[in-house]
């Protein structure tokens, strides 16, 4: 795992494998934004996490499904203070110690995944930059009502919680591109719908 710091307050963990990425971040991420209150905001063991995400036939897709993770620093600090940390989580604790008493954001991706990195950086800027957050919120607010309803429904079906929905809508609209949104997520969307988000993201990622 390699560590890179953006803007003095965004900590990027770049993992060599999907396994290491997901094993290290699964519990902190689900503490933050699990779509079920069984885990979100609760203290839980790794076994309870596995039990929650394993279907009746014994299959679990979590570790191959998520390609990036993001957490506000204050949530991560709550996690560190509340959980008995495993070795992987303890390593993240050591990496973030210097940021403990100031606003920061943690993002994590797999080596070579530049598209997911852009998506996670947008989350970080949304949390840390109040001007950008306000501008992004305005864009989401003024989306076509039918598109906003549709993308909200799709993101919920993908496993996102309502408590991060505006943040996720902005990140998807800003970094996913027309082809993915239209063909993969099957949204009734136009390039004109996406352009304001992409333009704003281009500015914020350049700074």
Protein backbone atom coordinates (compact mmCIF):
# COMPACT_ATOMS: atom_id res chain seq x y z
CA UNK A 1 0.00 0.00 0.00
CA UNK A 2 1.22 3.47 -0.91
CA UNK A 3 0.11 6.69 0.75
CA UNK A 4 -0.31 10.04 -0.98
CA UNK A 5 -1.51 13.29 0.56
CA UNK A 6 -3.54 15.76 -1.51
CA UNK A 7 -4.02 19.40 -0.42
CA UNK A 8 -2.51 18.60 2.99
CA UNK A 9 -5.79 17.05 4.20
CA UNK A 10 -6.81 14.25 1.81
CA UNK A 11 -5.17 10.92 2.65
CA UNK A 12 -5.13 8.51 -0.29
CA UNK A 13 -4.41 4.84 0.36
CA UNK A 14 -3.44 3.07 -2.86
CA UNK A 15 -3.65 -0.72 -2.43
CA UNK A 16 -1.97 -3.35 -4.57
CA UNK A 17 -4.99 -5.68 -4.66
CA UNK A 18 -8.77 -5.71 -4.45
CA UNK A 19 -8.55 -8.04 -1.46
CA UNK A 20 -6.34 -5.74 0.59
CA UNK A 21 -8.44 -2.70 -0.32
CA UNK A 22 -11.75 -4.20 0.73
CA UNK A 23 -10.52 -6.11 3.78
CA UNK A 24 -8.92 -2.96 5.19
CA UNK A 25 -11.82 -0.59 4.61
CA UNK A 26 -14.97 -2.70 4.89
CA UNK A 27 -15.73 -2.08 8.56
CA UNK A 28 -14.97 1.66 8.64
CA UNK A 29 -16.97 2.22 5.45
CA UNK A 30 -20.01 0.28 6.64
CA UNK A 31 -19.90 2.09 9.97
CA UNK A 32 -20.18 5.30 7.95
CA UNK A 33 -22.71 4.52 5.25
CA UNK A 34 -24.13 1.01 5.34
CA UNK A 35 -27.61 1.02 3.83
CA UNK A 36 -28.82 -0.85 6.92
CA UNK A 37 -28.96 0.50 10.46
CA UNK A 38 -27.82 -2.94 11.60
CA UNK A 39 -24.27 -1.76 10.86
CA UNK A 40 -24.39 1.99 10.16
CA UNK A 41 -23.36 3.90 13.26
CA UNK A 42 -23.03 0.67 15.27
CA UNK A 43 -20.04 -1.17 16.71
CA UNK A 44 -19.79 -4.61 15.07
CA UNK A 45 -17.36 -7.46 14.63
CA UNK A 46 -15.92 -8.66 11.33
CA UNK A 47 -18.04 -11.79 11.77
CA UNK A 48 -21.21 -9.72 12.05
CA UNK A 49 -20.22 -7.82 8.91
CA UNK A 50 -19.73 -11.11 7.02
CA UNK A 51 -23.05 -12.43 8.30
CA UNK A 52 -24.86 -9.30 7.14
CA UNK A 53 -23.52 -9.43 3.58
CA UNK A 54 -23.59 -13.21 2.99
CA UNK A 55 -26.71 -14.57 1.31
CA UNK A 56 -28.55 -17.72 2.31
CA UNK A 57 -26.46 -19.83 -0.11
CA UNK A 58 -23.20 -18.61 1.38
CA UNK A 59 -22.25 -16.13 -1.35
CA UNK A 60 -20.78 -12.70 -0.62
CA UNK A 61 -20.04 -10.21 -3.39
CA UNK A 62 -18.89 -7.29 -1.24
CA UNK A 63 -15.16 -7.86 -1.65
CA UNK A 64 -15.27 -7.89 -5.45
CA UNK A 65 -18.01 -5.26 -5.83
CA UNK A 66 -16.61 -2.06 -4.28
CA UNK A 67 -13.66 -0.45 -6.03
CA UNK A 68 -13.20 2.63 -3.83
CA UNK A 69 -13.82 3.87 -0.32
CA UNK A 70 -14.15 7.28 1.29
CA UNK A 71 -14.66 8.50 4.85
CA UNK A 72 -14.70 11.89 6.56
CA UNK A 73 -11.96 12.16 9.15
CA UNK A 74 -14.30 12.72 12.07
CA UNK A 75 -16.20 9.50 11.23
CA UNK A 76 -12.95 7.56 10.97
CA UNK A 77 -11.87 8.93 14.36
CA UNK A 78 -15.18 7.75 15.86
CA UNK A 79 -14.51 4.32 14.37
CA UNK A 80 -10.99 4.18 15.80
CA UNK A 81 -12.25 5.19 19.26
CA UNK A 82 -15.16 2.72 19.28
CA UNK A 83 -13.89 -0.49 17.65
CA UNK A 84 -11.34 -3.10 18.61
CA UNK A 85 -9.09 -2.66 15.59
CA UNK A 86 -7.67 -5.53 13.55
CA UNK A 87 -4.16 -5.36 12.08
CA UNK A 88 -5.24 -3.71 8.82
CA UNK A 89 -7.33 -1.09 10.60
CA UNK A 90 -4.53 -0.43 13.08
CA UNK A 91 -2.20 0.33 10.18
CA UNK A 92 -4.66 2.93 8.88
CA UNK A 93 -4.84 4.40 12.39
CA UNK A 94 -1.08 4.89 12.39
CA UNK A 95 -1.13 6.51 8.94
CA UNK A 96 -3.80 9.03 9.94
CA UNK A 97 -2.45 9.93 13.40
CA UNK A 98 -0.91 13.20 12.19
CA UNK A 99 -4.32 14.35 10.98
CA UNK A 100 -6.26 13.38 14.11
CA UNK A 101 -6.88 16.89 15.43
CA UNK A 102 -7.77 18.64 12.17
CA UNK A 103 -10.30 18.21 9.36
CA UNK A 104 -9.23 15.51 6.91
CA UNK A 105 -10.67 12.93 4.53
CA UNK A 106 -9.59 9.38 3.78
CA UNK A 107 -9.97 7.81 0.34
CA UNK A 108 -8.81 4.39 -0.84
CA UNK A 109 -8.50 2.79 -4.26
CA UNK A 110 -6.69 -0.03 -6.03
CA UNK A 111 -3.44 0.54 -7.91
CA UNK A 112 -4.00 1.83 -11.46
CA UNK A 113 -7.68 2.74 -11.02
CA UNK A 114 -7.57 6.42 -11.99
CA UNK A 115 -11.31 6.70 -12.66
CA UNK A 116 -12.27 5.56 -9.17
CA UNK A 117 -9.63 7.90 -7.74
CA UNK A 118 -11.36 10.88 -9.39
CA UNK A 119 -14.70 9.76 -7.94
CA UNK A 120 -13.26 9.47 -4.42
CA UNK A 121 -11.44 12.80 -4.69
CA UNK A 122 -14.75 14.46 -5.51
CA UNK A 123 -16.15 13.05 -2.26
CA UNK A 124 -13.19 14.47 -0.36
CA UNK A 125 -13.53 17.93 -1.85
CA UNK A 126 -17.28 17.87 -1.27
CA UNK A 127 -16.65 17.34 2.44
CA UNK A 128 -13.64 19.64 2.90
CA UNK A 129 -14.52 22.55 0.60
CA UNK A 130 -17.73 24.31 1.72
CA UNK A 131 -17.87 26.52 -1.39
CA UNK A 132 -17.66 23.51 -3.69
CA UNK A 133 -20.24 21.64 -1.61
CA UNK A 134 -22.68 24.52 -1.90
CA UNK A 135 -22.18 24.78 -5.66
CA UNK A 136 -22.59 21.02 -6.10
CA UNK A 137 -25.73 21.01 -3.96
CA UNK A 138 -27.23 23.71 -6.17
CA UNK A 139 -26.57 21.57 -9.26
CA UNK A 140 -28.25 18.56 -7.66
CA UNK A 141 -31.17 20.69 -6.50
CA UNK A 142 -31.79 21.96 -10.04
CA UNK A 143 -31.55 18.59 -11.80
CA UNK A 144 -34.55 17.50 -13.82
CA UNK A 145 -36.94 16.04 -11.22
CA UNK A 146 -37.39 12.81 -13.18
CA UNK A 147 -33.62 12.31 -13.53
CA UNK A 148 -32.99 13.08 -9.87
CA UNK A 149 -35.65 10.57 -8.85
CA UNK A 150 -34.28 7.97 -11.24
CA UNK A 151 -30.64 8.26 -10.20
CA UNK A 152 -31.62 8.20 -6.53
CA UNK A 153 -33.50 4.96 -7.09
CA UNK A 154 -30.58 3.41 -9.00
CA UNK A 155 -28.01 4.39 -6.38
CA UNK A 156 -30.17 2.97 -3.61
CA UNK A 157 -30.36 -0.30 -5.53
CA UNK A 158 -26.55 -0.31 -5.75
CA UNK A 159 -26.33 -0.19 -1.96
CA UNK A 160 -25.94 3.50 -1.16
CA UNK A 161 -27.57 4.94 1.94
CA UNK A 162 -29.88 7.96 1.90
CA UNK A 163 -27.55 9.83 4.27
CA UNK A 164 -24.93 10.20 1.51
CA UNK A 165 -27.26 10.44 -1.49
CA UNK A 166 -26.61 14.06 -2.56
CA UNK A 167 -22.88 13.48 -2.22
CA UNK A 168 -23.11 10.32 -4.35
CA UNK A 169 -25.32 11.89 -7.01
CA UNK A 170 -22.78 14.65 -7.40
CA UNK A 171 -19.84 12.22 -7.57
CA UNK A 172 -21.51 10.00 -10.18
CA UNK A 173 -22.65 12.92 -12.31
CA UNK A 174 -19.20 14.52 -12.07
CA UNK A 175 -16.93 11.59 -12.88
CA UNK A 176 -18.80 8.62 -14.38
CA UNK A 177 -19.32 9.95 -17.90
CA UNK A 178 -22.28 9.70 -20.25
CA UNK A 179 -21.60 6.17 -21.50
CA UNK A 180 -21.54 4.63 -18.02
CA UNK A 181 -24.53 6.58 -16.74
CA UNK A 182 -26.62 5.90 -19.83
CA UNK A 183 -25.55 2.38 -20.80
CA UNK A 184 -24.49 0.77 -17.51
CA UNK A 185 -26.87 2.47 -15.09
CA UNK A 186 -29.50 2.84 -17.86
CA UNK A 187 -30.42 6.38 -16.87
CA UNK A 188 -32.51 8.53 -19.18
CA UNK A 189 -29.80 11.14 -19.28
CA UNK A 190 -28.18 13.52 -21.78
CA UNK A 191 -24.70 14.96 -22.03
CA UNK A 192 -26.29 18.32 -21.31
CA UNK A 193 -27.42 17.01 -17.91
CA UNK A 194 -23.89 15.96 -17.03
CA UNK A 195 -21.91 18.92 -18.35
CA UNK A 196 -22.38 21.37 -15.41
CA UNK A 197 -21.20 18.71 -12.96
CA UNK A 198 -18.19 17.79 -15.08
CA UNK A 199 -17.21 21.42 -15.57
CA UNK A 200 -17.32 22.11 -11.84
CA UNK A 201 -15.39 18.93 -11.06
CA UNK A 202 -12.73 19.79 -13.61
CA UNK A 203 -12.08 23.06 -11.79
CA UNK A 204 -12.01 21.55 -8.31
CA UNK A 205 -9.74 18.64 -9.28
CA UNK A 206 -7.31 21.03 -10.97
CA UNK A 207 -6.90 23.18 -7.84
